[in-house]
Each structure stands twice: as C-alpha cells, then as structure tokens.
C-alpha atoms as a PDB file:
ATOM      1  CA  MET A   1     163.133  75.643   5.980  1.00  0.00           C
ATOM      2  CA  ARG A   2     164.246  77.224   9.123  1.00  0.00           C
ATOM      3  CA  THR A   3     166.670  79.436   7.250  1.00  0.00           C
ATOM      4  CA  LEU A   4     164.084  80.444   4.762  1.00  0.00           C
ATOM      5  CA  THR A   5     161.635  81.497   7.651  1.00  0.00           C
ATOM      6  CA  ARG A   6     164.389  83.572   9.270  1.00  0.00           C
ATOM      7  CA  LEU A   7     165.137  85.227   5.964  1.00  0.00           C
ATOM      8  CA  LEU A   8     161.487  86.159   5.370  1.00  0.00           C
ATOM      9  CA  ILE A   9     161.126  87.575   8.964  1.00  0.00           C
ATOM     10  CA  ALA A  10     164.374  89.578   8.513  1.00  0.00           C
ATOM     11  CA  ALA A  11     163.270  90.852   5.248  1.00  0.00           C
ATOM     12  CA  SER A  12     159.821  91.968   6.478  1.00  0.00           C
ATOM     13  CA  PHE A  13     160.968  93.576   9.770  1.00  0.00           C
ATOM     14  CA  PRO A  14     161.966  97.001   8.200  1.00  0.00           C
ATOM     15  CA  ALA A  15     158.564  97.148   6.421  1.00  0.00           C
ATOM     16  CA  LEU A  16     156.740  96.426   9.742  1.00  0.00           C
ATOM     17  CA  LEU A  17     158.839  99.015  11.546  1.00  0.00           C
ATOM     18  CA  LEU A  18     158.137 101.685   8.999  1.00  0.00           C
ATOM     19  CA  ALA A  19     154.393 100.869   9.063  1.00  0.00           C
ATOM     20  CA  ASN A  20     154.350 101.262  12.759  1.00  0.00           C
ATOM     21  CA  LEU A  21     156.233 104.604  12.646  1.00  0.00           C
ATOM     22  CA  SER A  22     153.837 106.063  10.049  1.00  0.00           C
ATOM     23  CA  ILE A  23     150.951 105.128  12.158  1.00  0.00           C
ATOM     24  CA  ALA A  24     152.457 106.658  15.148  1.00  0.00           C
ATOM     25  CA  ALA A  25     153.415 109.816  13.348  1.00  0.00           C
ATOM     26  CA  ALA A  26     149.740 110.598  12.367  1.00  0.00           C
ATOM     27  CA  THR A  27     148.804 113.564  14.434  1.00  0.00           C
ATOM     28  CA  GLY A  28     146.170 116.236  14.242  1.00  0.00           C
ATOM     29  CA  SER A  29     144.200 118.767  16.181  1.00  0.00           C
ATOM     30  CA  ALA A  30     140.560 119.281  16.901  1.00  0.00           C
ATOM     31  CA  LEU A  31     139.076 122.101  14.634  1.00  0.00           C
ATOM     32  CA  LYS A  32     136.094 122.489  16.902  1.00  0.00           C
ATOM     33  CA  ASN A  33     134.575 121.161  20.123  1.00  0.00           C
ATOM     34  CA  ASP A  34     132.978 117.745  19.227  1.00  0.00           C
ATOM     35  CA  ASN A  35     131.998 114.415  20.630  1.00  0.00           C
ATOM     36  CA  LEU A  36     134.059 111.232  20.432  1.00  0.00           C
ATOM     37  CA  ARG A  37     131.907 108.148  19.694  1.00  0.00           C
ATOM     38  CA  TYR A  38     132.341 104.563  20.397  1.00  0.00           C
ATOM     39  CA  GLU A  39     131.632 103.536  16.799  1.00  0.00           C
ATOM     40  CA  PRO A  40     132.079 105.533  13.517  1.00  0.00           C
ATOM     41  CA  PHE A  41     128.358 106.369  13.349  1.00  0.00           C
ATOM     42  CA  ALA A  42     126.430 109.573  14.214  1.00  0.00           C
ATOM     43  CA  ASP A  43     124.108 107.797  16.559  1.00  0.00           C
ATOM     44  CA  ALA A  44     126.798 105.751  18.341  1.00  0.00           C
ATOM     45  CA  LYS A  45     127.339 106.201  22.132  1.00  0.00           C
ATOM     46  CA  VAL A  46     129.326 109.261  23.105  1.00  0.00           C
ATOM     47  CA  THR A  47     132.614 108.179  24.901  1.00  0.00           C
ATOM     48  CA  GLY A  48     134.095 111.580  25.364  1.00  0.00           C
ATOM     49  CA  THR A  49     134.615 115.099  24.193  1.00  0.00           C
ATOM     50  CA  LEU A  50     137.179 117.076  22.125  1.00  0.00           C
ATOM     51  CA  ASN A  51     138.196 120.661  22.735  1.00  0.00           C
ATOM     52  CA  ARG A  52     139.068 122.953  19.831  1.00  0.00           C
ATOM     53  CA  GLY A  53     142.829 122.980  19.311  1.00  0.00           C
ATOM     54  CA  GLU A  54     143.362 119.730  21.369  1.00  0.00           C
ATOM     55  CA  THR A  55     146.287 117.644  19.940  1.00  0.00           C
ATOM     56  CA  LEU A  56     145.177 114.111  18.786  1.00  0.00           C
ATOM     57  CA  GLU A  57     146.810 111.007  17.665  1.00  0.00           C
ATOM     58  CA  ILE A  58     144.999 109.534  14.440  1.00  0.00           C
ATOM     59  CA  LEU A  59     144.700 105.757  14.940  1.00  0.00           C
ATOM     60  CA  ASN A  60     142.451 104.755  11.955  1.00  0.00           C
ATOM     61  CA  LYS A  61     140.230 105.965   9.319  1.00  0.00           C
ATOM     62  CA  LYS A  62     136.899 104.517   8.191  1.00  0.00           C
ATOM     63  CA  GLY A  63     134.820 106.278   5.587  1.00  0.00           C
ATOM     64  CA  ALA A  64     134.311 109.968   6.810  1.00  0.00           C
ATOM     65  CA  TRP A  65     135.356 109.071  10.323  1.00  0.00           C
ATOM     66  CA  LEU A  66     138.711 109.057  12.195  1.00  0.00           C
ATOM     67  CA  GLN A  67     139.584 107.028  15.224  1.00  0.00           C
ATOM     68  CA  VAL A  68     141.597 109.304  17.436  1.00  0.00           C
ATOM     69  CA  LYS A  69     143.284 109.247  20.831  1.00  0.00           C
ATOM     70  CA  SER A  70     143.099 112.374  22.900  1.00  0.00           C
ATOM     71  CA  LYS A  71     144.732 112.928  26.222  1.00  0.00           C
ATOM     72  CA  LYS A  72     141.627 111.517  27.989  1.00  0.00           C
ATOM     73  CA  THR A  73     140.128 108.735  25.698  1.00  0.00           C
ATOM     74  CA  ILE A  74     139.877 107.055  22.382  1.00  0.00           C
ATOM     75  CA  GLY A  75     137.029 107.321  20.021  1.00  0.00           C
ATOM     76  CA  TRP A  76     135.610 108.157  16.551  1.00  0.00           C
ATOM     77  CA  VAL A  77     135.089 111.661  15.296  1.00  0.00           C
ATOM     78  CA  ARG A  78     133.957 113.133  11.935  1.00  0.00           C
ATOM     79  CA  LEU A  79     136.907 113.673   9.497  1.00  0.00           C
ATOM     80  CA  LEU A  80     135.984 117.306   9.088  1.00  0.00           C
ATOM     81  CA  SER A  81     136.438 117.935  12.791  1.00  0.00           C
ATOM     82  CA  VAL A  82     140.263 117.140  12.632  1.00  0.00           C
ATOM     83  CA  LYS A  83     143.097 118.979  11.032  1.00  0.00           C
ATOM     84  CA  ARG A  84     145.860 116.625  10.086  1.00  0.00           C
ATOM     85  CA  GLY A  85     149.365 117.492  11.081  1.00  0.00           C
ATOM     86  CA  ALA A  86     150.907 119.480  13.897  1.00  0.00           C
ATOM     87  CA  SER A  87     148.901 122.174  15.423  1.00  0.00           C
ATOM     88  CA  SER A  88     149.826 125.750  15.351  1.00  0.00           C
ATOM     89  CA  SER A  89     147.811 128.684  16.526  1.00  0.00           C
ATOM     90  CA  SER A  90     148.613 130.767  13.507  1.00  0.00           C
ATOM     91  CA  ASN A  91     146.924 128.428  11.001  1.00  0.00           C
ATOM     92  CA  GLN A  92     144.047 127.222  13.093  1.00  0.00           C
ATOM     93  CA  ALA A  93     141.681 129.912  11.629  1.00  0.00           C
ATOM     94  CA  ALA A  94     142.758 129.070   8.056  1.00  0.00           C
ATOM     95  CA  GLY A  95     142.204 125.400   8.696  1.00  0.00           C
ATOM     96  CA  ALA A  96     138.631 126.092  10.097  1.00  0.00           C
ATOM     97  CA  LEU A  97     137.924 128.270   7.149  1.00  0.00           C
ATOM     98  CA  ALA A  98     139.199 125.641   4.646  1.00  0.00           C
ATOM     99  CA  VAL A  99     136.897 123.024   6.198  1.00  0.00           C
ATOM    100  CA  ALA A 100     133.976 125.404   6.216  1.00  0.00           C
ATOM    101  CA  SER A 101     134.373 126.109   2.539  1.00  0.00           C
ATOM    102  CA  GLY A 102     135.049 122.398   1.630  1.00  0.00           C
ATOM    103  CA  ARG A 103     138.553 123.356   0.456  1.00  0.00           C
ATOM    104  CA  ALA A 104     140.590 121.334   2.987  1.00  0.00           C
ATOM    105  CA  GLY A 105     142.357 119.187   0.520  1.00  0.00           C
ATOM    106  CA  THR A 106     145.778 119.790  -0.949  1.00  0.00           C
ATOM    107  CA  GLY A 107     144.421 120.856  -4.431  1.00  0.00           C
ATOM    108  CA  GLN A 108     142.017 123.463  -2.818  1.00  0.00           C
ATOM    109  CA  VAL A 109     139.149 121.674  -4.819  1.00  0.00           C
ATOM    110  CA  VAL A 110     135.815 121.446  -3.270  1.00  0.00           C
ATOM    111  CA  SER A 111     135.008 117.810  -2.979  1.00  0.00           C
ATOM    112  CA  THR A 112     131.541 116.230  -2.731  1.00  0.00           C
ATOM    113  CA  THR A 113     130.543 112.800  -1.819  1.00  0.00           C
ATOM    114  CA  GLY A 114     128.912 110.987  -4.631  1.00  0.00           C
ATOM    115  CA  ILE A 115     130.604 112.426  -7.739  1.00  0.00           C
ATOM    116  CA  ARG A 116     131.339 109.667 -10.128  1.00  0.00           C
ATOM    117  CA  GLY A 117     133.233 109.758 -13.497  1.00  0.00           C
ATOM    118  CA  LEU A 118     135.300 112.894 -12.699  1.00  0.00           C
ATOM    119  CA  SER A 119     139.007 112.616 -11.967  1.00  0.00           C
ATOM    120  CA  ALA A 120     140.946 114.826  -9.707  1.00  0.00           C
ATOM    121  CA  GLU A 121     142.541 116.479 -12.717  1.00  0.00           C
ATOM    122  CA  GLU A 122     139.083 117.241 -14.226  1.00  0.00           C
ATOM    123  CA  LEU A 123     137.937 118.757 -10.986  1.00  0.00           C
ATOM    124  CA  LYS A 124     141.003 120.857 -10.555  1.00  0.00           C
ATOM    125  CA  ALA A 125     140.609 122.155 -14.166  1.00  0.00           C
ATOM    126  CA  ALA A 126     136.914 123.059 -13.832  1.00  0.00           C
ATOM    127  CA  LYS A 127     135.918 126.543 -14.696  1.00  0.00           C
ATOM    128  CA  PHE A 128     132.729 128.448 -14.123  1.00  0.00           C
ATOM    129  CA  ASN A 129     130.451 128.268 -17.239  1.00  0.00           C
ATOM    130  CA  GLU A 130     127.847 130.994 -17.325  1.00  0.00           C
ATOM    131  CA  THR A 131     126.103 129.509 -20.345  1.00  0.00           C
ATOM    132  CA  GLU A 132     125.567 126.160 -18.625  1.00  0.00           C
ATOM    133  CA  VAL A 133     124.235 128.011 -15.562  1.00  0.00           C
ATOM    134  CA  LYS A 134     121.727 130.011 -17.698  1.00  0.00           C
ATOM    135  CA  THR A 135     120.623 126.775 -19.335  1.00  0.00           C
ATOM    136  CA  LEU A 136     119.840 125.148 -15.940  1.00  0.00           C
ATOM    137  CA  GLU A 137     118.075 128.283 -14.773  1.00  0.00           C
ATOM    138  CA  SER A 138     115.903 128.134 -18.034  1.00  0.00           C
ATOM    139  CA  TYR A 139     114.549 124.828 -16.569  1.00  0.00           C
ATOM    140  CA  THR A 140     112.899 126.679 -13.628  1.00  0.00           C
ATOM    141  CA  GLN A 141     109.274 126.182 -13.459  1.00  0.00           C
ATOM    142  CA  SER A 142     106.571 128.509 -11.870  1.00  0.00           C
ATOM    143  CA  ALA A 143     104.428 127.295  -8.879  1.00  0.00           C
ATOM    144  CA  ASN A 144     101.505 127.109 -11.245  1.00  0.00           C
ATOM    145  CA  GLN A 145     103.395 124.829 -13.736  1.00  0.00           C
ATOM    146  CA  GLY A 146     104.438 122.721 -10.843  1.00  0.00           C
ATOM    147  CA  LYS A 147     100.743 122.345  -9.683  1.00  0.00           C
ATOM    148  CA  GLN A 148      99.707 121.537 -13.401  1.00  0.00           C
ATOM    149  CA  PHE A 149     102.571 118.772 -13.483  1.00  0.00           C
ATOM    150  CA  ALA A 150     101.437 117.337 -10.044  1.00  0.00           C
ATOM    151  CA  ASN A 151      97.813 117.270 -11.239  1.00  0.00           C
ATOM    152  CA  ALA A 152      98.673 115.515 -14.443  1.00  0.00           C
ATOM    153  CA  GLY A 153     100.590 112.812 -12.467  1.00  0.00           C
ATOM    154  CA  GLY A 154      97.806 112.331  -9.973  1.00  0.00           C
ATOM    155  CA  LEU A 155      99.831 113.797  -7.127  1.00  0.00           C
ATOM    156  CA  HIS A 156      98.037 115.617  -4.257  1.00  0.00           C
ATOM    157  CA  THR A 157      99.012 117.971  -1.527  1.00  0.00           C
ATOM    158  CA  VAL A 158      99.687 116.645   1.910  1.00  0.00           C
ATOM    159  CA  SER A 159      99.457 119.122   4.857  1.00  0.00           C
ATOM    160  CA  PHE A 160     101.401 118.715   8.148  1.00  0.00           C
ATOM    161  CA  THR A 161      99.857 120.387  11.049  1.00  0.00           C
ATOM    162  CA  ASN A 162     103.109 120.621  12.997  1.00  0.00           C
ATOM    163  CA  LEU A 163     104.769 122.677  10.199  1.00  0.00           C
ATOM    164  CA  THR A 164     104.188 126.335   9.856  1.00  0.00           C
ATOM    165  CA  ALA A 165     105.030 128.548   6.918  1.00  0.00           C
ATOM    166  CA  VAL A 166     108.064 130.661   6.947  1.00  0.00           C
ATOM    167  CA  PRO A 167     107.310 134.437   6.665  1.00  0.00           C
ATOM    168  CA  GLY A 168     108.329 135.755   3.160  1.00  0.00           C
ATOM    169  CA  GLY A 169     108.934 132.081   2.007  1.00  0.00           C
ATOM    170  CA  SER A 170     107.929 130.662  -1.385  1.00  0.00           C
ATOM    171  CA  LYS A 171     104.298 130.573  -2.249  1.00  0.00           C
END
C-alpha cells in the first residue's frame, strides 16, 4: 500500500508542477485605468486601482472577471480591462482598439454574451446579408402604428417628471 501511494504521488508530481508553472506564467497588462475590486462584482468594494500599461499577474478567472495581482494589491477587474500576455508599447493601442471593437479574440470575431446555438466556426464564417437587413428594416413601425398597437393592448403612457426630451430626438 505504501509503495502504491508513493507511486501515485510520484506520477502526479509533474502534472502539479506544470499546473503551477502555467498559472505563474499568466501575465497581462492593464488596457486602461480601472478599479480593483474585492469580489468579481461591479458593486463590490474597491481595493485598489490599476494604471494603463501596468503589468499584472493573472491569478484566476470567474465569468467576465479576472483576479489579478498588481505591484500594490490583489483584486478583481473586468476581463476587457486586461490584455493577456507580455506588455509592449507598440501594440498597446492595437489591443485597446481590439477591445473597443469587440475583436479581442484570436479569430477577430466579435463575440456577444448570450448567443446560443452558433459555433465558433459559424461565427467566423458569417457574412453580411443585405437582404436580411432589409427584411428586418421592413418590420419598422411608425410612431402612429406604435400608439395604435399600445391602445389595442390597453397600454398607456407614463410620464417621468425628472426626464427631459432630447432636442432633435424621436417624436
């Protein structure tokens, strides 16, 4: 039994070592000034700040949040605030533009939370379809048609005194 235990420990040691090395090798840099939070939530307590270009060690990922270690502190920051990999000044602008456009993935495909039923290959192969766009635009209703629909459904207007109309906005 003791020999079997030693054999299992010896066999698992390289895997544990490699796992620790891959975690330690996860680095990145801050794409913008941002807050570090105690938990991966937008309303969590702020524990520190990041400065654009600051080198970070990525410790963990949870949903759209990364737990990072900066020179000063450890905390959670939004995934889109961090560029993975080594920082270099020549590609910081390109990285920021990629995040701003939603094209930060390796396939340069804009990803959207909530898409179901589409594979990565289908998203990469997607093409603009003018006919479908025109079909969608044909479903547009006028303000008068909208009012008729609302009246037929028994809906009524609710006014908010603290909201003001935007000059030149829709009527």
